[in-house]
Amino acid sequence: MGKVRERRVIVAPAFEGALTGAAGSVGTDELADDCLTSLKQHETIVKYAEVSITAAEVKAIRATPISLVAAEGADKIVEFLSALLILEYGSEVLAESSDNLAVRYTDGSGAIVSEAIEAGGFLDQSADTVSNAVAKKDNIVAASGCVNKALVLHNTGDGEITGNATEDSVLRVKIAYRVHTAGL
């Protein structure tokens, strides 16, 4: 029988105010607000991006999907985690017939990585409205369809979204994602 190692849980005491260290070290007071850059973080940390989409872009999103996260480079895969969609209502509603949205790789023909984002009851509302997108379960994609590919928002319906003639509504998308090295 092997030896059982002792396990300890270490709980740090609560503190208030700034952290300070020995003379010459850097504490929280000395750190700039933006000093922790993505280059200093582990590659797979959850990242966030926000994209504002004009009404004109929403109405053309079937033909011209909107990039949410750029391709990250050779041997990199962007993993979609979730998105929050916020419609800032303008002066007239957007209209859709059987048009839903989805997050997918590359463009309008790439693999879909989110569950359907129902446009009815969301984009066609006459008030500021919020919806969300969740990752598709068991999303299986050939490596050629996801390595070094962008994530885009696309209209999966049978036609473009219409309405909002003054084009003063805005759709904001806040997306959570991770980047992985494929190792292929």
N, C-alpha and C. Protein backbone atom coordinates (compact mmCIF):
# COMPACT_ATOMS: atom_id res chain seq x y z
N MET A 1 0.84 -1.19 0.00
CA MET A 1 0.00 0.00 0.00
C MET A 1 0.88 1.24 0.00
N GLY A 2 0.45 2.23 -0.75
CA GLY A 2 1.19 3.48 -0.81
C GLY A 2 0.86 4.37 0.37
N LYS A 3 1.68 5.36 0.54
CA LYS A 3 1.44 6.31 1.61
C LYS A 3 0.32 7.26 1.23
N VAL A 4 -0.49 7.63 2.19
CA VAL A 4 -1.53 8.63 1.98
C VAL A 4 -0.93 9.99 2.28
N ARG A 5 -1.02 10.86 1.33
CA ARG A 5 -0.49 12.20 1.54
C ARG A 5 -1.50 13.06 2.27
N GLU A 6 -0.98 13.90 3.11
CA GLU A 6 -1.84 14.82 3.85
C GLU A 6 -2.32 15.92 2.90
N ARG A 7 -3.57 16.23 2.98
CA ARG A 7 -4.13 17.31 2.17
C ARG A 7 -4.54 18.46 3.08
N ARG A 8 -4.19 19.63 2.68
CA ARG A 8 -4.53 20.82 3.46
C ARG A 8 -5.24 21.83 2.57
N VAL A 9 -6.18 22.50 3.15
CA VAL A 9 -6.84 23.60 2.47
C VAL A 9 -6.32 24.87 3.11
N ILE A 10 -5.79 25.74 2.30
CA ILE A 10 -5.25 27.00 2.82
C ILE A 10 -6.23 28.11 2.47
N VAL A 11 -6.66 28.81 3.47
CA VAL A 11 -7.59 29.91 3.28
C VAL A 11 -6.86 31.20 3.60
N ALA A 12 -6.82 32.08 2.63
CA ALA A 12 -6.17 33.37 2.84
C ALA A 12 -7.07 34.26 3.68
N PRO A 13 -6.49 35.01 4.60
CA PRO A 13 -7.30 35.92 5.39
C PRO A 13 -7.88 37.04 4.53
N ALA A 14 -9.03 37.52 4.91
CA ALA A 14 -9.65 38.63 4.18
C ALA A 14 -8.83 39.88 4.37
N PHE A 15 -8.85 40.76 3.40
CA PHE A 15 -8.11 42.01 3.51
C PHE A 15 -8.92 43.12 2.87
N GLU A 16 -8.60 44.31 3.26
CA GLU A 16 -9.23 45.49 2.67
C GLU A 16 -8.13 46.40 2.17
N GLY A 17 -8.43 47.17 1.15
CA GLY A 17 -7.47 48.13 0.64
C GLY A 17 -6.51 47.52 -0.35
N ALA A 18 -5.42 48.19 -0.56
CA ALA A 18 -4.45 47.78 -1.57
C ALA A 18 -3.49 46.74 -1.01
N LEU A 19 -2.99 45.89 -1.88
CA LEU A 19 -1.95 44.94 -1.51
C LEU A 19 -0.60 45.62 -1.66
N THR A 20 0.24 45.41 -0.69
CA THR A 20 1.60 45.95 -0.77
C THR A 20 2.58 44.83 -0.52
N GLY A 21 3.78 45.00 -0.98
CA GLY A 21 4.80 43.97 -0.81
C GLY A 21 6.04 44.58 -0.20
N ALA A 22 7.11 43.84 -0.33
CA ALA A 22 8.39 44.31 0.18
C ALA A 22 8.84 45.53 -0.61
N ALA A 23 9.77 46.24 -0.04
CA ALA A 23 10.31 47.43 -0.71
C ALA A 23 10.78 47.08 -2.11
N GLY A 24 10.39 47.88 -3.07
CA GLY A 24 10.79 47.66 -4.45
C GLY A 24 9.85 46.77 -5.24
N SER A 25 8.88 46.12 -4.58
CA SER A 25 7.94 45.27 -5.31
C SER A 25 6.75 46.10 -5.76
N VAL A 26 5.95 45.53 -6.62
CA VAL A 26 4.80 46.23 -7.17
C VAL A 26 3.53 45.71 -6.52
N GLY A 27 2.73 46.59 -5.97
CA GLY A 27 1.43 46.24 -5.38
C GLY A 27 0.31 46.73 -6.27
N THR A 28 -0.92 46.58 -5.82
CA THR A 28 -2.06 46.97 -6.64
C THR A 28 -2.11 48.48 -6.90
N ASP A 29 -1.56 49.28 -6.01
CA ASP A 29 -1.55 50.72 -6.23
C ASP A 29 -0.69 51.12 -7.43
N GLU A 30 0.36 50.35 -7.70
CA GLU A 30 1.28 50.68 -8.77
C GLU A 30 0.86 50.12 -10.13
N LEU A 31 -0.10 49.24 -10.17
CA LEU A 31 -0.52 48.62 -11.43
C LEU A 31 -1.45 49.55 -12.20
N ALA A 32 -1.19 49.70 -13.47
CA ALA A 32 -2.08 50.48 -14.32
C ALA A 32 -3.37 49.69 -14.53
N ASP A 33 -4.48 50.38 -14.79
CA ASP A 33 -5.76 49.72 -14.98
C ASP A 33 -5.73 48.68 -16.08
N ASP A 34 -4.94 48.91 -17.10
CA ASP A 34 -4.92 48.01 -18.25
C ASP A 34 -3.63 47.20 -18.33
N CYS A 35 -2.98 46.97 -17.19
CA CYS A 35 -1.66 46.33 -17.24
C CYS A 35 -1.73 44.83 -17.51
N LEU A 36 -2.83 44.16 -17.23
CA LEU A 36 -2.94 42.73 -17.50
C LEU A 36 -3.45 42.56 -18.92
N THR A 37 -2.53 42.33 -19.83
CA THR A 37 -2.91 42.19 -21.23
C THR A 37 -3.16 40.74 -21.57
N SER A 38 -3.80 40.50 -22.70
CA SER A 38 -4.07 39.13 -23.12
C SER A 38 -2.79 38.36 -23.36
N LEU A 39 -1.69 39.04 -23.64
CA LEU A 39 -0.41 38.36 -23.85
C LEU A 39 0.11 37.75 -22.56
N LYS A 40 -0.33 38.27 -21.41
CA LYS A 40 0.12 37.78 -20.11
C LYS A 40 -0.82 36.70 -19.57
N GLN A 41 -1.93 36.43 -20.21
CA GLN A 41 -2.91 35.47 -19.74
C GLN A 41 -2.73 34.13 -20.43
N HIS A 42 -3.20 33.08 -19.78
CA HIS A 42 -3.17 31.76 -20.41
C HIS A 42 -4.09 31.79 -21.63
N GLU A 43 -3.69 31.12 -22.66
CA GLU A 43 -4.41 31.12 -23.93
C GLU A 43 -5.89 30.74 -23.80
N THR A 44 -6.22 29.80 -22.92
CA THR A 44 -7.60 29.31 -22.86
C THR A 44 -8.49 30.05 -21.86
N ILE A 45 -8.03 31.17 -21.34
CA ILE A 45 -8.87 31.95 -20.44
C ILE A 45 -10.10 32.44 -21.21
N VAL A 46 -11.22 32.56 -20.53
CA VAL A 46 -12.43 33.05 -21.19
C VAL A 46 -12.20 34.50 -21.59
N LYS A 47 -12.51 34.79 -22.84
CA LYS A 47 -12.35 36.14 -23.38
C LYS A 47 -13.71 36.68 -23.77
N TYR A 48 -13.81 37.99 -23.86
CA TYR A 48 -15.07 38.64 -24.19
C TYR A 48 -14.85 39.66 -25.29
N ALA A 49 -15.82 39.79 -26.14
CA ALA A 49 -15.80 40.81 -27.18
C ALA A 49 -17.19 41.40 -27.30
N GLU A 50 -17.27 42.62 -27.74
CA GLU A 50 -18.56 43.27 -27.96
C GLU A 50 -18.56 43.89 -29.35
N VAL A 51 -19.64 43.64 -30.08
CA VAL A 51 -19.80 44.13 -31.43
C VAL A 51 -21.13 44.87 -31.52
N SER A 52 -21.12 46.08 -32.07
CA SER A 52 -22.35 46.82 -32.34
C SER A 52 -22.70 46.67 -33.81
N ILE A 53 -23.95 46.31 -34.06
CA ILE A 53 -24.41 46.04 -35.42
C ILE A 53 -25.54 47.03 -35.73
N THR A 54 -25.36 47.81 -36.78
CA THR A 54 -26.38 48.79 -37.16
C THR A 54 -27.61 48.10 -37.72
N ALA A 55 -28.72 48.81 -37.78
CA ALA A 55 -29.94 48.25 -38.37
C ALA A 55 -29.72 47.86 -39.82
N ALA A 56 -28.97 48.67 -40.56
CA ALA A 56 -28.68 48.35 -41.97
C ALA A 56 -27.92 47.03 -42.06
N GLU A 57 -26.98 46.80 -41.16
CA GLU A 57 -26.22 45.54 -41.15
C GLU A 57 -27.11 44.37 -40.74
N VAL A 58 -27.98 44.57 -39.76
CA VAL A 58 -28.92 43.51 -39.34
C VAL A 58 -29.79 43.10 -40.52
N LYS A 59 -30.24 44.09 -41.29
CA LYS A 59 -31.14 43.81 -42.42
C LYS A 59 -30.42 43.13 -43.59
N ALA A 60 -29.11 43.08 -43.56
CA ALA A 60 -28.34 42.42 -44.62
C ALA A 60 -27.52 41.24 -44.09
N ILE A 61 -27.84 40.78 -42.89
CA ILE A 61 -26.99 39.80 -42.21
C ILE A 61 -27.03 38.40 -42.83
N ARG A 62 -28.06 38.11 -43.61
CA ARG A 62 -28.09 36.81 -44.30
C ARG A 62 -27.03 36.79 -45.41
N ALA A 63 -26.98 37.85 -46.20
CA ALA A 63 -26.00 37.93 -47.29
C ALA A 63 -24.60 38.27 -46.78
N THR A 64 -24.55 39.04 -45.69
CA THR A 64 -23.27 39.51 -45.17
C THR A 64 -23.20 39.27 -43.66
N PRO A 65 -22.83 38.06 -43.24
CA PRO A 65 -22.72 37.78 -41.80
C PRO A 65 -21.75 38.75 -41.12
N ILE A 66 -22.00 39.01 -39.85
CA ILE A 66 -21.19 39.97 -39.09
C ILE A 66 -20.14 39.22 -38.27
N SER A 67 -18.89 39.62 -38.41
CA SER A 67 -17.80 39.01 -37.66
C SER A 67 -17.90 39.39 -36.18
N LEU A 68 -17.91 38.37 -35.32
CA LEU A 68 -17.94 38.59 -33.87
C LEU A 68 -16.56 38.43 -33.26
N VAL A 69 -15.82 37.41 -33.72
CA VAL A 69 -14.46 37.15 -33.26
C VAL A 69 -13.63 36.79 -34.49
N ALA A 70 -12.54 37.49 -34.68
CA ALA A 70 -11.67 37.22 -35.84
C ALA A 70 -10.98 35.87 -35.69
N ALA A 71 -10.59 35.30 -36.81
CA ALA A 71 -9.78 34.09 -36.79
C ALA A 71 -8.52 34.39 -35.99
N GLU A 72 -8.09 33.44 -35.17
CA GLU A 72 -6.98 33.67 -34.25
C GLU A 72 -5.62 33.26 -34.80
N GLY A 73 -5.57 32.66 -35.99
CA GLY A 73 -4.28 32.30 -36.58
C GLY A 73 -4.12 30.81 -36.77
N ALA A 74 -2.99 30.47 -37.35
CA ALA A 74 -2.70 29.07 -37.67
C ALA A 74 -2.79 28.18 -36.43
N ASP A 75 -3.44 27.05 -36.57
CA ASP A 75 -3.57 26.01 -35.54
C ASP A 75 -4.40 26.46 -34.33
N LYS A 76 -5.18 27.53 -34.46
CA LYS A 76 -6.00 28.03 -33.35
C LYS A 76 -7.48 27.80 -33.65
N ILE A 77 -8.22 27.40 -32.61
CA ILE A 77 -9.67 27.20 -32.72
C ILE A 77 -10.34 28.14 -31.72
N VAL A 78 -11.31 28.90 -32.19
CA VAL A 78 -12.12 29.75 -31.32
C VAL A 78 -13.33 28.93 -30.88
N GLU A 79 -13.47 28.73 -29.58
CA GLU A 79 -14.60 27.98 -29.02
C GLU A 79 -15.67 28.97 -28.57
N PHE A 80 -16.87 28.89 -29.16
CA PHE A 80 -17.99 29.73 -28.77
C PHE A 80 -18.54 29.22 -27.44
N LEU A 81 -18.71 30.12 -26.47
CA LEU A 81 -19.28 29.76 -25.17
C LEU A 81 -20.70 30.27 -25.01
N SER A 82 -20.90 31.56 -25.26
CA SER A 82 -22.23 32.15 -25.12
C SER A 82 -22.20 33.57 -25.68
N ALA A 83 -23.39 34.12 -25.82
CA ALA A 83 -23.50 35.52 -26.23
C ALA A 83 -24.75 36.14 -25.63
N LEU A 84 -24.66 37.40 -25.34
CA LEU A 84 -25.80 38.19 -24.90
C LEU A 84 -26.10 39.16 -26.03
N LEU A 85 -27.34 39.18 -26.49
CA LEU A 85 -27.74 40.05 -27.59
C LEU A 85 -28.68 41.11 -27.04
N ILE A 86 -28.36 42.36 -27.30
CA ILE A 86 -29.12 43.49 -26.76
C ILE A 86 -29.62 44.33 -27.93
N LEU A 87 -30.93 44.40 -28.09
CA LEU A 87 -31.52 45.24 -29.13
C LEU A 87 -31.85 46.58 -28.52
N GLU A 88 -31.21 47.63 -29.05
CA GLU A 88 -31.55 48.99 -28.65
C GLU A 88 -32.56 49.49 -29.65
N TYR A 89 -33.83 49.51 -29.24
CA TYR A 89 -34.93 49.87 -30.13
C TYR A 89 -34.83 51.31 -30.58
N GLY A 90 -35.07 51.52 -31.86
CA GLY A 90 -35.07 52.86 -32.44
C GLY A 90 -36.49 53.40 -32.49
N SER A 91 -36.93 53.83 -33.67
CA SER A 91 -38.26 54.42 -33.79
C SER A 91 -39.27 53.51 -34.48
N GLU A 92 -38.82 52.46 -35.16
CA GLU A 92 -39.73 51.48 -35.76
C GLU A 92 -39.14 50.08 -35.54
N VAL A 93 -40.02 49.09 -35.56
CA VAL A 93 -39.57 47.72 -35.32
C VAL A 93 -38.89 47.13 -36.54
N LEU A 94 -38.04 46.16 -36.30
CA LEU A 94 -37.52 45.31 -37.36
C LEU A 94 -38.57 44.24 -37.62
N ALA A 95 -38.58 43.65 -38.78
CA ALA A 95 -39.57 42.63 -39.10
C ALA A 95 -38.88 41.39 -39.64
N GLU A 96 -39.42 40.21 -39.29
CA GLU A 96 -38.88 38.96 -39.79
C GLU A 96 -40.04 38.00 -40.00
N SER A 97 -39.87 37.06 -40.93
CA SER A 97 -40.93 36.08 -41.16
C SER A 97 -40.54 34.75 -40.54
N SER A 98 -39.53 34.11 -41.07
CA SER A 98 -39.06 32.85 -40.49
C SER A 98 -37.55 32.91 -40.36
N ASP A 99 -37.08 34.05 -39.90
CA ASP A 99 -35.64 34.28 -39.83
C ASP A 99 -35.15 34.16 -38.40
N ASN A 100 -34.20 33.28 -38.17
CA ASN A 100 -33.53 33.17 -36.89
C ASN A 100 -32.06 33.48 -37.09
N LEU A 101 -31.37 33.70 -36.00
CA LEU A 101 -29.95 33.99 -36.05
C LEU A 101 -29.17 32.81 -35.48
N ALA A 102 -27.90 32.72 -35.82
CA ALA A 102 -27.02 31.70 -35.25
C ALA A 102 -25.59 32.21 -35.31
N VAL A 103 -24.77 31.71 -34.39
CA VAL A 103 -23.34 31.95 -34.44
C VAL A 103 -22.74 30.75 -35.16
N ARG A 104 -21.86 31.03 -36.11
CA ARG A 104 -21.24 29.96 -36.87
C ARG A 104 -19.81 30.33 -37.23
N TYR A 105 -19.07 29.35 -37.72
CA TYR A 105 -17.71 29.61 -38.18
C TYR A 105 -17.74 30.22 -39.58
N THR A 106 -16.76 31.01 -39.88
CA THR A 106 -16.40 31.51 -41.20
C THR A 106 -17.37 32.49 -41.83
N ASP A 107 -18.52 32.02 -42.29
CA ASP A 107 -19.47 32.84 -43.05
C ASP A 107 -20.83 32.15 -43.02
N GLY A 108 -21.68 32.47 -43.98
CA GLY A 108 -23.02 31.88 -44.03
C GLY A 108 -23.06 30.40 -44.32
N SER A 109 -21.93 29.81 -44.66
CA SER A 109 -21.91 28.38 -44.96
C SER A 109 -21.13 27.56 -43.93
N GLY A 110 -20.56 28.22 -42.93
CA GLY A 110 -19.77 27.53 -41.91
C GLY A 110 -20.64 26.76 -40.93
N ALA A 111 -20.01 25.91 -40.16
CA ALA A 111 -20.71 25.09 -39.16
C ALA A 111 -21.33 25.98 -38.08
N ILE A 112 -22.57 25.69 -37.72
CA ILE A 112 -23.27 26.44 -36.68
C ILE A 112 -22.80 25.94 -35.32
N VAL A 113 -22.41 26.88 -34.44
CA VAL A 113 -21.91 26.52 -33.11
C VAL A 113 -22.82 26.96 -31.97
N SER A 114 -23.93 27.64 -32.29
CA SER A 114 -24.89 28.05 -31.25
C SER A 114 -26.23 27.39 -31.53
N GLU A 115 -27.04 27.33 -30.52
CA GLU A 115 -28.43 26.96 -30.73
C GLU A 115 -29.09 28.12 -31.47
N ALA A 116 -30.24 27.88 -32.07
CA ALA A 116 -30.95 28.94 -32.80
C ALA A 116 -31.28 30.10 -31.87
N ILE A 117 -31.10 31.31 -32.37
CA ILE A 117 -31.47 32.52 -31.65
C ILE A 117 -32.77 32.99 -32.29
N GLU A 118 -33.86 32.77 -31.61
CA GLU A 118 -35.19 33.07 -32.15
C GLU A 118 -35.34 34.57 -32.36
N ALA A 119 -35.58 34.96 -33.61
CA ALA A 119 -35.73 36.39 -33.94
C ALA A 119 -37.13 36.90 -33.58
N GLY A 120 -38.13 36.07 -33.76
CA GLY A 120 -39.50 36.45 -33.39
C GLY A 120 -39.61 36.62 -31.89
N GLY A 121 -40.16 37.75 -31.46
CA GLY A 121 -40.23 38.05 -30.03
C GLY A 121 -38.97 38.73 -29.52
N PHE A 122 -38.00 38.88 -30.40
CA PHE A 122 -36.77 39.57 -30.01
C PHE A 122 -36.52 40.77 -30.92
N LEU A 123 -36.13 40.52 -32.16
CA LEU A 123 -35.81 41.61 -33.08
C LEU A 123 -37.03 42.45 -33.46
N ASP A 124 -38.22 41.87 -33.39
CA ASP A 124 -39.42 42.58 -33.83
C ASP A 124 -40.15 43.31 -32.70
N GLN A 125 -39.48 43.56 -31.60
CA GLN A 125 -40.11 44.22 -30.46
C GLN A 125 -39.98 45.74 -30.53
N SER A 126 -40.95 46.44 -29.95
CA SER A 126 -40.95 47.90 -29.95
C SER A 126 -40.44 48.45 -28.62
N ALA A 127 -39.45 47.78 -28.06
CA ALA A 127 -38.80 48.21 -26.82
C ALA A 127 -37.40 47.62 -26.80
N ASP A 128 -36.53 48.18 -25.99
CA ASP A 128 -35.21 47.58 -25.81
C ASP A 128 -35.43 46.15 -25.32
N THR A 129 -34.76 45.19 -25.92
CA THR A 129 -35.00 43.77 -25.64
C THR A 129 -33.67 43.02 -25.57
N VAL A 130 -33.63 41.99 -24.74
CA VAL A 130 -32.41 41.20 -24.54
C VAL A 130 -32.70 39.73 -24.80
N SER A 131 -31.76 39.06 -25.44
CA SER A 131 -31.84 37.62 -25.66
C SER A 131 -30.44 37.04 -25.43
N ASN A 132 -30.34 35.74 -25.47
CA ASN A 132 -29.03 35.13 -25.31
C ASN A 132 -28.84 33.98 -26.30
N ALA A 133 -27.60 33.61 -26.48
CA ALA A 133 -27.25 32.47 -27.33
C ALA A 133 -26.40 31.52 -26.50
N VAL A 134 -26.67 30.24 -26.63
CA VAL A 134 -25.89 29.24 -25.93
C VAL A 134 -25.20 28.34 -26.95
N ALA A 135 -24.13 27.71 -26.51
CA ALA A 135 -23.37 26.83 -27.40
C ALA A 135 -24.20 25.60 -27.77
N LYS A 136 -24.03 25.16 -28.99
CA LYS A 136 -24.69 23.97 -29.49
C LYS A 136 -24.07 22.75 -28.82
N LYS A 137 -24.90 21.81 -28.39
CA LYS A 137 -24.41 20.59 -27.76
C LYS A 137 -23.77 19.69 -28.81
N ASP A 138 -22.64 19.09 -28.46
CA ASP A 138 -21.95 18.14 -29.34
C ASP A 138 -21.72 18.69 -30.74
N ASN A 139 -21.22 19.89 -30.80
CA ASN A 139 -20.92 20.49 -32.09
C ASN A 139 -19.72 19.78 -32.70
N ILE A 140 -19.94 19.02 -33.74
CA ILE A 140 -18.87 18.26 -34.38
C ILE A 140 -18.54 18.94 -35.70
N VAL A 141 -17.27 19.34 -35.84
CA VAL A 141 -16.84 20.09 -37.01
C VAL A 141 -15.51 19.51 -37.50
N ALA A 142 -15.37 19.33 -38.80
CA ALA A 142 -14.07 18.94 -39.35
C ALA A 142 -13.07 20.04 -39.01
N ALA A 143 -11.84 19.66 -38.72
CA ALA A 143 -10.82 20.64 -38.35
C ALA A 143 -10.70 21.74 -39.40
N SER A 144 -10.86 21.37 -40.66
CA SER A 144 -10.75 22.38 -41.72
C SER A 144 -11.85 23.43 -41.63
N GLY A 145 -12.92 23.13 -40.91
CA GLY A 145 -14.03 24.07 -40.76
C GLY A 145 -13.96 24.94 -39.52
N CYS A 146 -12.97 24.67 -38.63
CA CYS A 146 -12.90 25.47 -37.41
C CYS A 146 -11.51 26.00 -37.08
N VAL A 147 -10.47 25.39 -37.60
CA VAL A 147 -9.11 25.88 -37.31
C VAL A 147 -8.86 27.15 -38.12
N ASN A 148 -8.43 28.19 -37.41
CA ASN A 148 -8.16 29.50 -38.02
C ASN A 148 -9.39 30.06 -38.73
N LYS A 149 -10.56 29.95 -38.07
CA LYS A 149 -11.81 30.47 -38.63
C LYS A 149 -12.41 31.48 -37.65
N ALA A 150 -13.07 32.49 -38.20
CA ALA A 150 -13.75 33.50 -37.40
C ALA A 150 -15.10 32.97 -36.92
N LEU A 151 -15.66 33.61 -35.90
CA LEU A 151 -17.04 33.38 -35.50
C LEU A 151 -17.87 34.54 -36.03
N VAL A 152 -18.99 34.22 -36.66
CA VAL A 152 -19.86 35.25 -37.24
C VAL A 152 -21.29 35.07 -36.77
N LEU A 153 -22.07 36.14 -36.84
CA LEU A 153 -23.50 36.09 -36.59
C LEU A 153 -24.20 36.08 -37.94
N HIS A 154 -25.13 35.13 -38.13
CA HIS A 154 -25.74 34.93 -39.44
C HIS A 154 -27.25 34.75 -39.28
N ASN A 155 -27.98 35.16 -40.29
CA ASN A 155 -29.43 34.93 -40.39
C ASN A 155 -29.62 33.61 -41.12
N THR A 156 -30.17 32.62 -40.44
CA THR A 156 -30.33 31.29 -41.03
C THR A 156 -31.68 31.12 -41.72
N GLY A 157 -32.48 32.16 -41.80
CA GLY A 157 -33.82 32.08 -42.39
C GLY A 157 -33.82 32.11 -43.90
N ASP A 158 -35.02 32.30 -44.43
CA ASP A 158 -35.20 32.24 -45.88
C ASP A 158 -35.10 33.58 -46.58
N GLY A 159 -34.86 34.64 -45.83
CA GLY A 159 -34.74 35.97 -46.44
C GLY A 159 -34.16 36.95 -45.44
N GLU A 160 -33.93 38.15 -45.91
CA GLU A 160 -33.36 39.17 -45.04
C GLU A 160 -34.42 39.73 -44.09
N ILE A 161 -33.96 40.26 -42.97
CA ILE A 161 -34.80 40.95 -42.01
C ILE A 161 -35.13 42.31 -42.61
N THR A 162 -36.32 42.80 -42.34
CA THR A 162 -36.76 44.08 -42.91
C THR A 162 -37.19 45.02 -41.78
N GLY A 163 -37.82 46.14 -42.16
CA GLY A 163 -38.36 47.07 -41.19
C GLY A 163 -37.36 48.13 -40.78
N ASN A 164 -37.69 48.85 -39.70
CA ASN A 164 -36.88 49.93 -39.15
C ASN A 164 -36.34 50.82 -40.26
N ALA A 165 -37.27 51.45 -40.99
CA ALA A 165 -36.92 52.27 -42.16
C ALA A 165 -35.92 53.38 -41.84
N THR A 166 -35.99 53.94 -40.66
CA THR A 166 -35.04 55.00 -40.30
C THR A 166 -33.68 54.43 -39.89
N GLU A 167 -33.60 53.12 -39.78
CA GLU A 167 -32.36 52.41 -39.44
C GLU A 167 -31.68 52.99 -38.20
N ASP A 168 -32.49 53.20 -37.16
CA ASP A 168 -31.93 53.76 -35.93
C ASP A 168 -31.87 52.76 -34.78
N SER A 169 -32.21 51.50 -35.03
CA SER A 169 -32.04 50.46 -34.01
C SER A 169 -30.60 49.95 -34.09
N VAL A 170 -30.10 49.44 -32.96
CA VAL A 170 -28.75 48.88 -32.91
C VAL A 170 -28.82 47.54 -32.16
N LEU A 171 -28.14 46.55 -32.70
CA LEU A 171 -28.02 45.25 -32.04
C LEU A 171 -26.59 45.14 -31.51
N ARG A 172 -26.47 45.00 -30.18
CA ARG A 172 -25.15 44.81 -29.58
C ARG A 172 -25.01 43.35 -29.17
N VAL A 173 -23.89 42.75 -29.50
CA VAL A 173 -23.63 41.35 -29.16
C VAL A 173 -22.40 41.30 -28.26
N LYS A 174 -22.58 40.73 -27.08
CA LYS A 174 -21.48 40.53 -26.13
C LYS A 174 -21.21 39.02 -26.13
N ILE A 175 -20.03 38.63 -26.60
CA ILE A 175 -19.73 37.22 -26.81
C ILE A 175 -18.62 36.75 -25.87
N ALA A 176 -18.80 35.54 -25.34
CA ALA A 176 -17.77 34.89 -24.52
C ALA A 176 -17.20 33.72 -25.33
N TYR A 177 -15.87 33.61 -25.33
CA TYR A 177 -15.22 32.56 -26.12
C TYR A 177 -13.87 32.21 -25.52
N ARG A 178 -13.31 31.10 -25.98
CA ARG A 178 -11.96 30.68 -25.63
C ARG A 178 -11.20 30.36 -26.90
N VAL A 179 -9.89 30.43 -26.83
CA VAL A 179 -9.03 30.08 -27.97
C VAL A 179 -8.17 28.89 -27.55
N HIS A 180 -8.12 27.89 -28.40
CA HIS A 180 -7.33 26.69 -28.14
C HIS A 180 -6.32 26.47 -29.26
N THR A 181 -5.19 25.89 -28.92
CA THR A 181 -4.24 25.43 -29.93
C THR A 181 -4.67 24.02 -30.32
N ALA A 182 -4.88 23.79 -31.60
CA ALA A 182 -5.37 22.50 -32.06
C ALA A 182 -4.31 21.41 -31.96
N GLY A 183 -3.07 21.74 -32.24
CA GLY A 183 -2.02 20.75 -32.21
C GLY A 183 -2.10 19.76 -33.37
N LEU A 184 -2.63 20.21 -34.48
CA LEU A 184 -2.79 19.33 -35.65
C LEU A 184 -1.66 19.50 -36.64
